[in-house]
Amino acid sequence: MNRCPRVLCLLALSAGCASITKAQVYTPMPEAAVRFPADSWQNIVYTVAGFNHDHRREFGLDLIKKRNVVPIHLSIELRGANMESARIQLNGDRMNLRLFLPDGTALLPVSGDEVAATLHAGDSARVRSKRFRGDEGLLSSEPTRGYVFFELAPEEEYVVKEGRIFHVVHGVAKPLDLTRSLVAFNVMIENEPYPIYVGLNH
């Protein structure tokens, strides 16, 4: 499979892990930051991922501010020739979800049930009803969709200010444009993981 050099470059980056102090400097957003396509057609797997800045309307609260997680809407389906006979499936244990931020930092997923368990009843029910179900078996032309959640951890490395997220490295807070991030995950083909990469719409 041919992979975009920019994707490989992004995946190769790593964020600094030195001791973090309270941020004193807020840097501007780099104008040249790469924005990846918000839909991906790899083999016969078609994926769309998106970040809703106004996700409070979906969940009744700001999950980034209140729960320190980033909700990303994910839709996966099959399109193209031979899709009906294809046996491509999701396996939650081997999906290996990641959200790669513009500075190369990889955020790890947290399950919808874990997020819901920390919320009040009404908010908890909304999260559970909208979460992505990654163990639904074989993919088909009917989209499997829902929200996946990525944790901003450790918390002291992130600042939420005026609705924007900043990554704090060596006392400098770098703004994160989530629309320039990259979602990565695996689907299973003949019991082997097959990587999928997709940018975010908004």
N, C-alpha and C. Protein backbone atom coordinates (compact mmCIF):
# COMPACT_ATOMS: atom_id res chain seq x y z
N MET A 1 0.84 -1.19 0.00
CA MET A 1 0.00 0.00 0.00
C MET A 1 0.88 1.24 0.00
N ASN A 2 0.60 2.18 -0.91
CA ASN A 2 1.35 3.42 -0.94
C ASN A 2 0.82 4.34 0.13
N ARG A 3 1.71 4.92 0.91
CA ARG A 3 1.29 5.82 1.96
C ARG A 3 1.86 7.21 1.71
N CYS A 4 1.05 8.20 1.98
CA CYS A 4 1.47 9.58 1.78
C CYS A 4 2.71 9.87 2.64
N PRO A 5 3.79 10.44 2.05
CA PRO A 5 4.98 10.73 2.83
C PRO A 5 4.70 11.63 4.02
N ARG A 6 3.73 12.54 3.86
CA ARG A 6 3.42 13.43 4.97
C ARG A 6 2.83 12.66 6.14
N VAL A 7 2.03 11.63 5.83
CA VAL A 7 1.47 10.79 6.89
C VAL A 7 2.58 10.09 7.64
N LEU A 8 3.51 9.48 6.89
CA LEU A 8 4.61 8.77 7.53
C LEU A 8 5.46 9.72 8.35
N CYS A 9 5.65 10.93 7.85
CA CYS A 9 6.43 11.92 8.58
C CYS A 9 5.76 12.27 9.90
N LEU A 10 4.43 12.47 9.85
CA LEU A 10 3.69 12.81 11.07
C LEU A 10 3.78 11.71 12.09
N LEU A 11 3.64 10.47 11.63
CA LEU A 11 3.66 9.34 12.56
C LEU A 11 5.03 9.17 13.19
N ALA A 12 6.07 9.67 12.53
CA ALA A 12 7.42 9.50 13.06
C ALA A 12 7.77 10.53 14.12
N LEU A 13 6.97 11.60 14.22
CA LEU A 13 7.28 12.64 15.19
C LEU A 13 6.97 12.16 16.59
N SER A 14 7.64 12.70 17.58
CA SER A 14 7.31 12.39 18.97
C SER A 14 7.36 13.66 19.78
N ALA A 15 6.51 13.74 20.83
CA ALA A 15 6.44 14.94 21.65
C ALA A 15 7.42 14.83 22.80
N GLY A 16 7.97 15.97 23.26
CA GLY A 16 8.89 15.96 24.38
C GLY A 16 8.19 15.59 25.66
N CYS A 17 8.91 14.90 26.56
CA CYS A 17 8.31 14.43 27.80
C CYS A 17 9.07 14.96 29.01
N ALA A 18 9.74 16.10 28.90
CA ALA A 18 10.45 16.66 30.04
C ALA A 18 9.45 17.20 31.04
N SER A 19 9.95 17.59 32.22
CA SER A 19 9.06 18.08 33.25
C SER A 19 8.33 19.32 32.76
N ILE A 20 7.04 19.42 33.10
CA ILE A 20 6.18 20.48 32.59
C ILE A 20 5.94 21.50 33.69
N THR A 21 6.09 22.76 33.36
CA THR A 21 5.74 23.83 34.28
C THR A 21 4.57 24.59 33.71
N LYS A 22 3.96 25.44 34.53
CA LYS A 22 2.81 26.21 34.07
C LYS A 22 3.19 27.06 32.86
N ALA A 23 2.37 27.02 31.83
CA ALA A 23 2.70 27.70 30.59
C ALA A 23 2.72 29.21 30.78
N GLN A 24 3.72 29.85 30.23
CA GLN A 24 3.83 31.30 30.26
C GLN A 24 3.69 31.90 28.87
N VAL A 25 3.92 31.10 27.85
CA VAL A 25 3.94 31.59 26.47
C VAL A 25 2.92 30.81 25.64
N TYR A 26 2.09 31.54 24.89
CA TYR A 26 1.13 30.91 23.98
C TYR A 26 1.55 31.24 22.56
N THR A 27 1.92 30.23 21.80
CA THR A 27 2.41 30.46 20.45
C THR A 27 1.26 30.45 19.45
N PRO A 28 1.40 31.13 18.30
CA PRO A 28 0.34 31.12 17.28
C PRO A 28 0.29 29.79 16.54
N MET A 29 -0.83 29.55 15.88
CA MET A 29 -0.99 28.34 15.07
C MET A 29 -0.13 28.44 13.81
N PRO A 30 0.71 27.43 13.53
CA PRO A 30 1.50 27.46 12.29
C PRO A 30 0.58 27.47 11.07
N GLU A 31 0.80 28.42 10.16
CA GLU A 31 -0.07 28.53 8.99
C GLU A 31 0.14 27.37 8.02
N ALA A 32 1.31 26.75 8.06
CA ALA A 32 1.63 25.70 7.09
C ALA A 32 1.29 24.30 7.59
N ALA A 33 0.59 24.22 8.73
CA ALA A 33 0.25 22.90 9.27
C ALA A 33 -0.57 22.11 8.25
N VAL A 34 -0.27 20.83 8.13
CA VAL A 34 -0.91 19.98 7.12
C VAL A 34 -2.34 19.64 7.54
N ARG A 35 -3.27 19.71 6.61
CA ARG A 35 -4.63 19.21 6.86
C ARG A 35 -4.82 17.98 5.98
N PHE A 36 -5.13 16.85 6.60
CA PHE A 36 -5.29 15.60 5.88
C PHE A 36 -6.73 15.45 5.39
N PRO A 37 -6.95 14.71 4.31
CA PRO A 37 -8.32 14.49 3.82
C PRO A 37 -9.21 13.90 4.92
N ALA A 38 -10.44 14.42 5.01
CA ALA A 38 -11.35 14.00 6.08
C ALA A 38 -12.13 12.75 5.72
N ASP A 39 -11.86 12.20 4.54
CA ASP A 39 -12.41 10.89 4.22
C ASP A 39 -11.29 10.06 3.60
N SER A 40 -11.39 8.77 3.76
CA SER A 40 -10.32 7.87 3.33
C SER A 40 -10.92 6.66 2.64
N TRP A 41 -10.40 6.33 1.45
CA TRP A 41 -10.85 5.15 0.72
C TRP A 41 -9.64 4.26 0.53
N GLN A 42 -9.48 3.26 1.40
CA GLN A 42 -8.35 2.35 1.34
C GLN A 42 -8.87 0.94 1.12
N ASN A 43 -8.38 0.30 0.03
CA ASN A 43 -8.95 -0.98 -0.39
C ASN A 43 -10.43 -0.72 -0.66
N ILE A 44 -11.35 -1.42 -0.02
CA ILE A 44 -12.77 -1.12 -0.18
C ILE A 44 -13.34 -0.54 1.11
N VAL A 45 -12.47 -0.14 2.03
CA VAL A 45 -12.91 0.43 3.31
C VAL A 45 -13.00 1.95 3.16
N TYR A 46 -14.20 2.48 3.37
CA TYR A 46 -14.43 3.93 3.27
C TYR A 46 -14.68 4.47 4.67
N THR A 47 -13.91 5.49 5.06
CA THR A 47 -13.97 6.03 6.41
C THR A 47 -14.13 7.54 6.38
N VAL A 48 -14.96 8.06 7.27
CA VAL A 48 -15.10 9.50 7.46
C VAL A 48 -14.95 9.78 8.95
N ALA A 49 -14.15 10.78 9.29
CA ALA A 49 -13.96 11.16 10.69
C ALA A 49 -14.16 12.66 10.83
N GLY A 50 -14.69 13.09 11.96
CA GLY A 50 -14.94 14.51 12.13
C GLY A 50 -14.91 14.95 13.57
N PHE A 51 -14.54 16.22 13.77
CA PHE A 51 -14.58 16.85 15.08
C PHE A 51 -15.60 17.96 15.05
N ASN A 52 -16.56 17.93 15.97
CA ASN A 52 -17.61 18.93 16.05
C ASN A 52 -17.24 19.92 17.15
N HIS A 53 -16.90 21.16 16.76
CA HIS A 53 -16.52 22.17 17.75
C HIS A 53 -17.67 22.43 18.73
N ASP A 54 -18.89 22.27 18.27
CA ASP A 54 -20.06 22.51 19.12
C ASP A 54 -20.64 21.19 19.62
N HIS A 55 -19.77 20.27 20.05
CA HIS A 55 -20.26 18.96 20.49
C HIS A 55 -21.09 19.04 21.76
N ARG A 56 -21.11 20.20 22.42
CA ARG A 56 -21.95 20.35 23.62
C ARG A 56 -23.42 20.10 23.27
N ARG A 57 -23.83 20.46 22.06
CA ARG A 57 -25.22 20.22 21.65
C ARG A 57 -25.52 18.73 21.55
N GLU A 58 -24.51 17.94 21.21
CA GLU A 58 -24.70 16.49 21.10
C GLU A 58 -24.79 15.84 22.47
N PHE A 59 -23.92 16.27 23.39
CA PHE A 59 -23.77 15.56 24.66
C PHE A 59 -24.33 16.30 25.87
N GLY A 60 -24.69 17.56 25.70
CA GLY A 60 -25.21 18.32 26.83
C GLY A 60 -24.13 18.94 27.70
N LEU A 61 -22.86 18.73 27.36
CA LEU A 61 -21.74 19.33 28.09
C LEU A 61 -20.51 19.33 27.20
N ASP A 62 -19.54 20.16 27.58
CA ASP A 62 -18.28 20.22 26.86
C ASP A 62 -17.36 19.14 27.42
N LEU A 63 -17.18 18.05 26.67
CA LEU A 63 -16.40 16.92 27.17
C LEU A 63 -14.91 17.25 27.27
N ILE A 64 -14.43 18.14 26.44
CA ILE A 64 -13.02 18.52 26.53
C ILE A 64 -12.76 19.25 27.84
N LYS A 65 -13.63 20.18 28.18
CA LYS A 65 -13.44 20.99 29.38
C LYS A 65 -13.79 20.23 30.64
N LYS A 66 -14.88 19.46 30.62
CA LYS A 66 -15.38 18.81 31.83
C LYS A 66 -14.76 17.45 32.08
N ARG A 67 -14.42 16.72 31.02
CA ARG A 67 -13.95 15.34 31.20
C ARG A 67 -12.54 15.11 30.63
N ASN A 68 -11.98 16.16 29.99
CA ASN A 68 -10.62 16.08 29.45
C ASN A 68 -10.49 15.02 28.35
N VAL A 69 -11.55 14.82 27.57
CA VAL A 69 -11.49 13.91 26.44
C VAL A 69 -11.95 14.63 25.17
N VAL A 70 -11.42 14.19 24.03
CA VAL A 70 -11.78 14.74 22.72
C VAL A 70 -12.70 13.75 22.02
N PRO A 71 -13.96 14.14 21.73
CA PRO A 71 -14.87 13.24 21.01
C PRO A 71 -14.70 13.38 19.50
N ILE A 72 -14.50 12.27 18.82
CA ILE A 72 -14.35 12.25 17.36
C ILE A 72 -15.42 11.33 16.78
N HIS A 73 -16.18 11.83 15.81
CA HIS A 73 -17.20 10.99 15.17
C HIS A 73 -16.55 10.18 14.05
N LEU A 74 -16.80 8.87 14.07
CA LEU A 74 -16.17 7.95 13.12
C LEU A 74 -17.25 7.15 12.40
N SER A 75 -17.12 7.04 11.08
CA SER A 75 -18.04 6.25 10.27
C SER A 75 -17.22 5.36 9.34
N ILE A 76 -17.49 4.04 9.38
CA ILE A 76 -16.73 3.08 8.58
C ILE A 76 -17.70 2.19 7.81
N GLU A 77 -17.44 2.00 6.52
CA GLU A 77 -18.29 1.13 5.70
C GLU A 77 -17.47 0.55 4.56
N LEU A 78 -18.06 -0.37 3.83
CA LEU A 78 -17.42 -0.94 2.64
C LEU A 78 -18.07 -0.36 1.39
N ARG A 79 -17.25 -0.08 0.40
CA ARG A 79 -17.73 0.40 -0.90
C ARG A 79 -16.89 -0.24 -2.00
N GLY A 80 -17.53 -0.52 -3.13
CA GLY A 80 -16.78 -1.00 -4.28
C GLY A 80 -17.04 -2.45 -4.62
N ALA A 81 -16.34 -2.92 -5.64
CA ALA A 81 -16.53 -4.28 -6.15
C ALA A 81 -16.16 -5.32 -5.10
N ASN A 82 -16.93 -6.40 -5.10
CA ASN A 82 -16.69 -7.56 -4.22
C ASN A 82 -16.88 -7.26 -2.74
N MET A 83 -17.49 -6.12 -2.41
CA MET A 83 -17.62 -5.81 -0.99
C MET A 83 -18.55 -6.78 -0.27
N GLU A 84 -19.52 -7.35 -1.00
CA GLU A 84 -20.45 -8.26 -0.35
C GLU A 84 -19.78 -9.56 0.08
N SER A 85 -18.74 -9.96 -0.65
CA SER A 85 -18.05 -11.21 -0.31
C SER A 85 -16.83 -10.97 0.59
N ALA A 86 -16.49 -9.71 0.80
CA ALA A 86 -15.32 -9.40 1.63
C ALA A 86 -15.63 -9.72 3.09
N ARG A 87 -14.63 -10.18 3.79
CA ARG A 87 -14.77 -10.45 5.22
C ARG A 87 -13.79 -9.56 5.98
N ILE A 88 -14.17 -8.29 6.01
CA ILE A 88 -13.37 -7.29 6.72
C ILE A 88 -14.14 -6.93 7.99
N GLN A 89 -13.47 -6.98 9.10
CA GLN A 89 -14.20 -6.79 10.35
C GLN A 89 -13.48 -5.87 11.32
N LEU A 90 -14.24 -5.42 12.31
CA LEU A 90 -13.70 -4.64 13.41
C LEU A 90 -13.47 -5.57 14.60
N ASN A 91 -12.39 -5.33 15.29
CA ASN A 91 -12.10 -6.06 16.51
C ASN A 91 -11.63 -5.04 17.53
N GLY A 92 -12.47 -4.74 18.51
CA GLY A 92 -12.16 -3.70 19.48
C GLY A 92 -10.83 -3.88 20.17
N ASP A 93 -10.45 -5.13 20.44
CA ASP A 93 -9.20 -5.40 21.15
C ASP A 93 -7.97 -5.16 20.28
N ARG A 94 -8.15 -5.18 18.96
CA ARG A 94 -7.00 -5.03 18.05
C ARG A 94 -7.14 -3.80 17.14
N MET A 95 -8.09 -2.94 17.48
CA MET A 95 -8.34 -1.78 16.63
C MET A 95 -7.21 -0.75 16.73
N ASN A 96 -6.58 -0.66 17.89
CA ASN A 96 -5.41 0.21 18.08
C ASN A 96 -5.68 1.65 17.66
N LEU A 97 -6.77 2.21 18.15
CA LEU A 97 -7.14 3.59 17.84
C LEU A 97 -6.09 4.56 18.37
N ARG A 98 -5.80 5.58 17.57
CA ARG A 98 -4.93 6.67 17.98
C ARG A 98 -5.42 7.96 17.33
N LEU A 99 -5.21 9.08 18.03
CA LEU A 99 -5.43 10.39 17.44
C LEU A 99 -4.09 11.11 17.45
N PHE A 100 -3.52 11.32 16.26
CA PHE A 100 -2.23 12.00 16.15
C PHE A 100 -2.48 13.50 15.98
N LEU A 101 -2.02 14.27 16.96
CA LEU A 101 -2.19 15.72 16.94
C LEU A 101 -1.19 16.35 15.97
N PRO A 102 -1.40 17.64 15.60
CA PRO A 102 -0.52 18.27 14.61
C PRO A 102 0.95 18.28 15.00
N ASP A 103 1.26 18.23 16.31
CA ASP A 103 2.67 18.23 16.73
C ASP A 103 3.24 16.82 16.84
N GLY A 104 2.47 15.81 16.41
CA GLY A 104 2.94 14.44 16.43
C GLY A 104 2.56 13.65 17.66
N THR A 105 2.00 14.31 18.68
CA THR A 105 1.58 13.60 19.88
C THR A 105 0.45 12.62 19.56
N ALA A 106 0.52 11.42 20.12
CA ALA A 106 -0.53 10.42 19.93
C ALA A 106 -1.39 10.34 21.18
N LEU A 107 -2.69 10.64 21.03
CA LEU A 107 -3.62 10.48 22.14
C LEU A 107 -4.21 9.08 22.11
N LEU A 108 -4.34 8.48 23.29
CA LEU A 108 -4.89 7.13 23.40
C LEU A 108 -6.40 7.19 23.62
N PRO A 109 -7.11 6.15 23.19
CA PRO A 109 -8.57 6.15 23.35
C PRO A 109 -8.98 5.82 24.78
N VAL A 110 -10.16 6.29 25.13
CA VAL A 110 -10.82 5.88 26.37
C VAL A 110 -12.23 5.45 25.96
N SER A 111 -12.72 4.37 26.52
CA SER A 111 -14.01 3.83 26.06
C SER A 111 -15.16 4.75 26.44
N GLY A 112 -16.22 4.67 25.65
CA GLY A 112 -17.42 5.44 25.94
C GLY A 112 -18.00 5.10 27.30
N ASP A 113 -17.90 3.83 27.68
CA ASP A 113 -18.41 3.42 29.00
C ASP A 113 -17.61 4.06 30.12
N GLU A 114 -16.30 4.18 29.94
CA GLU A 114 -15.47 4.82 30.96
C GLU A 114 -15.81 6.30 31.08
N VAL A 115 -16.02 6.96 29.95
CA VAL A 115 -16.40 8.37 29.98
C VAL A 115 -17.76 8.52 30.66
N ALA A 116 -18.71 7.69 30.27
CA ALA A 116 -20.07 7.78 30.80
C ALA A 116 -20.11 7.54 32.31
N ALA A 117 -19.24 6.67 32.80
CA ALA A 117 -19.25 6.31 34.22
C ALA A 117 -18.92 7.49 35.13
N THR A 118 -18.29 8.54 34.59
CA THR A 118 -17.89 9.69 35.40
C THR A 118 -18.89 10.84 35.32
N LEU A 119 -19.99 10.65 34.58
CA LEU A 119 -20.94 11.73 34.33
C LEU A 119 -22.26 11.51 35.05
N HIS A 120 -23.05 12.58 35.14
CA HIS A 120 -24.40 12.47 35.70
C HIS A 120 -25.28 11.65 34.76
N ALA A 121 -26.39 11.16 35.28
CA ALA A 121 -27.21 10.18 34.57
C ALA A 121 -27.59 10.60 33.16
N GLY A 122 -28.11 11.82 32.99
CA GLY A 122 -28.55 12.25 31.67
C GLY A 122 -27.41 12.34 30.68
N ASP A 123 -26.30 12.95 31.10
CA ASP A 123 -25.13 13.06 30.23
C ASP A 123 -24.54 11.69 29.95
N SER A 124 -24.53 10.83 30.96
CA SER A 124 -24.01 9.48 30.80
C SER A 124 -24.79 8.70 29.75
N ALA A 125 -26.11 8.82 29.78
CA ALA A 125 -26.95 8.11 28.81
C ALA A 125 -26.69 8.59 27.39
N ARG A 126 -26.47 9.90 27.22
CA ARG A 126 -26.21 10.43 25.88
C ARG A 126 -24.88 9.89 25.34
N VAL A 127 -23.86 9.85 26.19
CA VAL A 127 -22.56 9.33 25.76
C VAL A 127 -22.69 7.86 25.36
N ARG A 128 -23.37 7.07 26.18
CA ARG A 128 -23.52 5.64 25.87
C ARG A 128 -24.28 5.42 24.57
N SER A 129 -25.29 6.24 24.32
CA SER A 129 -26.12 6.04 23.12
C SER A 129 -25.40 6.46 21.84
N LYS A 130 -24.41 7.36 21.97
CA LYS A 130 -23.73 7.88 20.78
C LYS A 130 -22.35 7.28 20.57
N ARG A 131 -21.91 6.40 21.46
CA ARG A 131 -20.55 5.86 21.36
C ARG A 131 -20.40 4.91 20.18
N PHE A 132 -19.20 4.82 19.66
CA PHE A 132 -18.88 3.90 18.57
C PHE A 132 -18.77 2.49 19.14
N ARG A 133 -19.38 1.54 18.45
CA ARG A 133 -19.32 0.15 18.90
C ARG A 133 -18.37 -0.61 17.98
N GLY A 134 -17.17 -0.84 18.49
CA GLY A 134 -16.11 -1.41 17.67
C GLY A 134 -16.10 -2.92 17.59
N ASP A 135 -17.05 -3.57 18.23
CA ASP A 135 -17.09 -5.04 18.21
C ASP A 135 -18.31 -5.56 17.47
N GLU A 136 -18.71 -4.83 16.43
CA GLU A 136 -19.93 -5.22 15.72
C GLU A 136 -19.67 -6.22 14.60
N GLY A 137 -18.45 -6.77 14.54
CA GLY A 137 -18.18 -7.85 13.59
C GLY A 137 -17.89 -7.36 12.19
N LEU A 138 -18.43 -8.08 11.20
CA LEU A 138 -18.11 -7.81 9.80
C LEU A 138 -18.61 -6.44 9.36
N LEU A 139 -17.77 -5.72 8.61
CA LEU A 139 -18.19 -4.47 8.01
C LEU A 139 -19.03 -4.75 6.77
N SER A 140 -19.89 -3.79 6.41
CA SER A 140 -20.76 -3.94 5.24
C SER A 140 -20.97 -2.57 4.63
N SER A 141 -21.88 -2.49 3.66
CA SER A 141 -22.20 -1.21 3.04
C SER A 141 -23.01 -0.32 3.98
N GLU A 142 -23.51 -0.90 5.07
CA GLU A 142 -24.21 -0.13 6.09
C GLU A 142 -23.18 0.44 7.06
N PRO A 143 -23.07 1.77 7.17
CA PRO A 143 -22.00 2.35 8.00
C PRO A 143 -22.09 1.94 9.47
N THR A 144 -20.95 1.66 10.05
CA THR A 144 -20.82 1.53 11.50
C THR A 144 -20.30 2.88 11.98
N ARG A 145 -21.08 3.55 12.80
CA ARG A 145 -20.70 4.92 13.17
C ARG A 145 -20.98 5.21 14.63
N GLY A 146 -20.33 6.25 15.11
CA GLY A 146 -20.50 6.69 16.48
C GLY A 146 -19.27 7.47 16.93
N TYR A 147 -19.28 7.90 18.18
CA TYR A 147 -18.17 8.69 18.71
C TYR A 147 -17.13 7.82 19.39
N VAL A 148 -15.87 8.09 19.09
CA VAL A 148 -14.75 7.53 19.84
C VAL A 148 -14.16 8.68 20.66
N PHE A 149 -13.51 8.35 21.76
CA PHE A 149 -13.04 9.36 22.69
C PHE A 149 -11.54 9.18 22.96
N PHE A 150 -10.82 10.31 22.95
CA PHE A 150 -9.38 10.28 23.19
C PHE A 150 -9.05 11.15 24.39
N GLU A 151 -8.22 10.62 25.27
CA GLU A 151 -7.94 11.30 26.53
C GLU A 151 -6.76 12.25 26.41
N LEU A 152 -6.96 13.48 26.89
CA LEU A 152 -5.88 14.46 26.96
C LEU A 152 -5.09 14.17 28.24
N ALA A 153 -4.12 13.29 28.14
CA ALA A 153 -3.38 12.86 29.32
C ALA A 153 -1.89 12.86 29.02
N PRO A 154 -1.06 13.17 30.03
CA PRO A 154 -1.46 13.62 31.37
C PRO A 154 -2.04 15.03 31.33
N GLU A 155 -2.97 15.30 32.25
CA GLU A 155 -3.73 16.55 32.21
C GLU A 155 -2.84 17.79 32.29
N GLU A 156 -1.72 17.70 33.04
CA GLU A 156 -0.89 18.89 33.21
C GLU A 156 -0.21 19.32 31.91
N GLU A 157 -0.26 18.49 30.88
CA GLU A 157 0.36 18.86 29.60
C GLU A 157 -0.61 19.58 28.67
N TYR A 158 -1.86 19.75 29.09
CA TYR A 158 -2.85 20.37 28.21
C TYR A 158 -3.58 21.49 28.94
N VAL A 159 -3.88 22.55 28.20
CA VAL A 159 -4.62 23.68 28.72
C VAL A 159 -5.79 23.94 27.78
N VAL A 160 -6.98 24.12 28.33
CA VAL A 160 -8.14 24.51 27.54
C VAL A 160 -8.43 25.97 27.87
N LYS A 161 -8.33 26.83 26.87
CA LYS A 161 -8.49 28.26 27.08
C LYS A 161 -9.33 28.84 25.97
N GLU A 162 -10.44 29.47 26.35
CA GLU A 162 -11.34 30.11 25.39
C GLU A 162 -11.74 29.14 24.28
N GLY A 163 -12.02 27.91 24.67
CA GLY A 163 -12.50 26.91 23.72
C GLY A 163 -11.44 26.28 22.86
N ARG A 164 -10.16 26.60 23.11
CA ARG A 164 -9.07 26.02 22.32
C ARG A 164 -8.20 25.15 23.21
N ILE A 165 -7.56 24.15 22.60
CA ILE A 165 -6.69 23.25 23.33
C ILE A 165 -5.24 23.61 23.03
N PHE A 166 -4.43 23.69 24.10
CA PHE A 166 -3.00 23.96 23.96
C PHE A 166 -2.22 22.80 24.55
N HIS A 167 -1.16 22.38 23.87
CA HIS A 167 -0.26 21.36 24.37
C HIS A 167 0.95 22.07 24.97
N VAL A 168 1.21 21.81 26.26
CA VAL A 168 2.27 22.50 26.99
C VAL A 168 3.56 21.68 26.94
N VAL A 169 4.59 22.25 26.35
CA VAL A 169 5.90 21.60 26.27
C VAL A 169 6.97 22.59 26.69
N HIS A 170 7.71 22.27 27.75
CA HIS A 170 8.78 23.14 28.26
C HIS A 170 8.27 24.56 28.53
N GLY A 171 7.09 24.67 29.10
CA GLY A 171 6.56 25.97 29.46
C GLY A 171 5.94 26.75 28.32
N VAL A 172 5.91 26.18 27.13
CA VAL A 172 5.31 26.85 25.97
C VAL A 172 4.03 26.12 25.58
N ALA A 173 2.94 26.86 25.48
CA ALA A 173 1.64 26.28 25.13
C ALA A 173 1.41 26.41 23.63
N LYS A 174 1.39 25.29 22.95
CA LYS A 174 1.22 25.29 21.50
C LYS A 174 -0.23 24.98 21.15
N PRO A 175 -0.88 25.84 20.35
CA PRO A 175 -2.28 25.59 20.00
C PRO A 175 -2.43 24.37 19.10
N LEU A 176 -3.49 23.62 19.33
CA LEU A 176 -3.75 22.41 18.54
C LEU A 176 -4.98 22.62 17.67
N ASP A 177 -4.79 22.58 16.38
CA ASP A 177 -5.91 22.64 15.45
C ASP A 177 -6.34 21.20 15.18
N LEU A 178 -7.42 20.77 15.83
CA LEU A 178 -7.83 19.37 15.72
C LEU A 178 -8.20 18.98 14.30
N THR A 179 -8.58 19.97 13.48
CA THR A 179 -8.93 19.64 12.10
C THR A 179 -7.69 19.26 11.29
N ARG A 180 -6.51 19.46 11.85
CA ARG A 180 -5.27 19.06 11.19
C ARG A 180 -4.66 17.82 11.85
N SER A 181 -5.49 17.10 12.58
CA SER A 181 -5.05 15.86 13.23
C SER A 181 -5.35 14.66 12.35
N LEU A 182 -4.92 13.50 12.80
CA LEU A 182 -5.04 12.28 12.00
C LEU A 182 -5.50 11.13 12.89
N VAL A 183 -6.59 10.47 12.49
CA VAL A 183 -7.07 9.28 13.20
C VAL A 183 -6.47 8.04 12.54
N ALA A 184 -5.97 7.14 13.36
CA ALA A 184 -5.42 5.87 12.86
C ALA A 184 -6.08 4.71 13.60
N PHE A 185 -6.38 3.64 12.88
CA PHE A 185 -6.95 2.44 13.51
C PHE A 185 -6.76 1.26 12.56
N ASN A 186 -7.02 0.08 13.07
CA ASN A 186 -6.92 -1.14 12.26
C ASN A 186 -8.29 -1.75 12.00
N VAL A 187 -8.46 -2.29 10.80
CA VAL A 187 -9.53 -3.25 10.54
C VAL A 187 -8.85 -4.61 10.36
N MET A 188 -9.62 -5.67 10.45
CA MET A 188 -9.05 -7.02 10.34
C MET A 188 -9.41 -7.63 9.00
N ILE A 189 -8.40 -8.05 8.24
CA ILE A 189 -8.60 -8.76 6.98
C ILE A 189 -7.91 -10.11 7.10
N GLU A 190 -8.70 -11.18 7.04
CA GLU A 190 -8.18 -12.54 7.22
C GLU A 190 -7.37 -12.64 8.52
N ASN A 191 -7.95 -12.04 9.56
CA ASN A 191 -7.39 -12.09 10.91
C ASN A 191 -6.05 -11.36 11.06
N GLU A 192 -5.73 -10.50 10.08
CA GLU A 192 -4.52 -9.69 10.16
C GLU A 192 -4.92 -8.21 10.19
N PRO A 193 -4.23 -7.40 11.01
CA PRO A 193 -4.57 -5.98 11.09
C PRO A 193 -4.17 -5.22 9.82
N TYR A 194 -5.06 -4.36 9.36
CA TYR A 194 -4.82 -3.53 8.18
C TYR A 194 -5.02 -2.08 8.61
N PRO A 195 -3.98 -1.23 8.52
CA PRO A 195 -4.08 0.13 9.05
C PRO A 195 -4.88 1.07 8.15
N ILE A 196 -5.67 1.91 8.79
CA ILE A 196 -6.45 2.94 8.11
C ILE A 196 -6.07 4.29 8.72
N TYR A 197 -5.90 5.31 7.86
CA TYR A 197 -5.59 6.66 8.31
C TYR A 197 -6.59 7.63 7.69
N VAL A 198 -7.08 8.57 8.50
CA VAL A 198 -8.04 9.54 7.98
C VAL A 198 -7.92 10.84 8.76
N GLY A 199 -8.02 11.97 8.04
CA GLY A 199 -8.03 13.28 8.68
C GLY A 199 -9.40 13.59 9.25
N LEU A 200 -9.57 14.82 9.72
CA LEU A 200 -10.82 15.22 10.37
C LEU A 200 -11.50 16.34 9.61
N ASN A 201 -12.82 16.22 9.44
CA ASN A 201 -13.58 17.37 8.95
C ASN A 201 -14.13 18.12 10.15
N HIS A 202 -14.81 19.22 9.89
CA HIS A 202 -15.33 20.04 11.00
C HIS A 202 -16.50 20.85 10.51
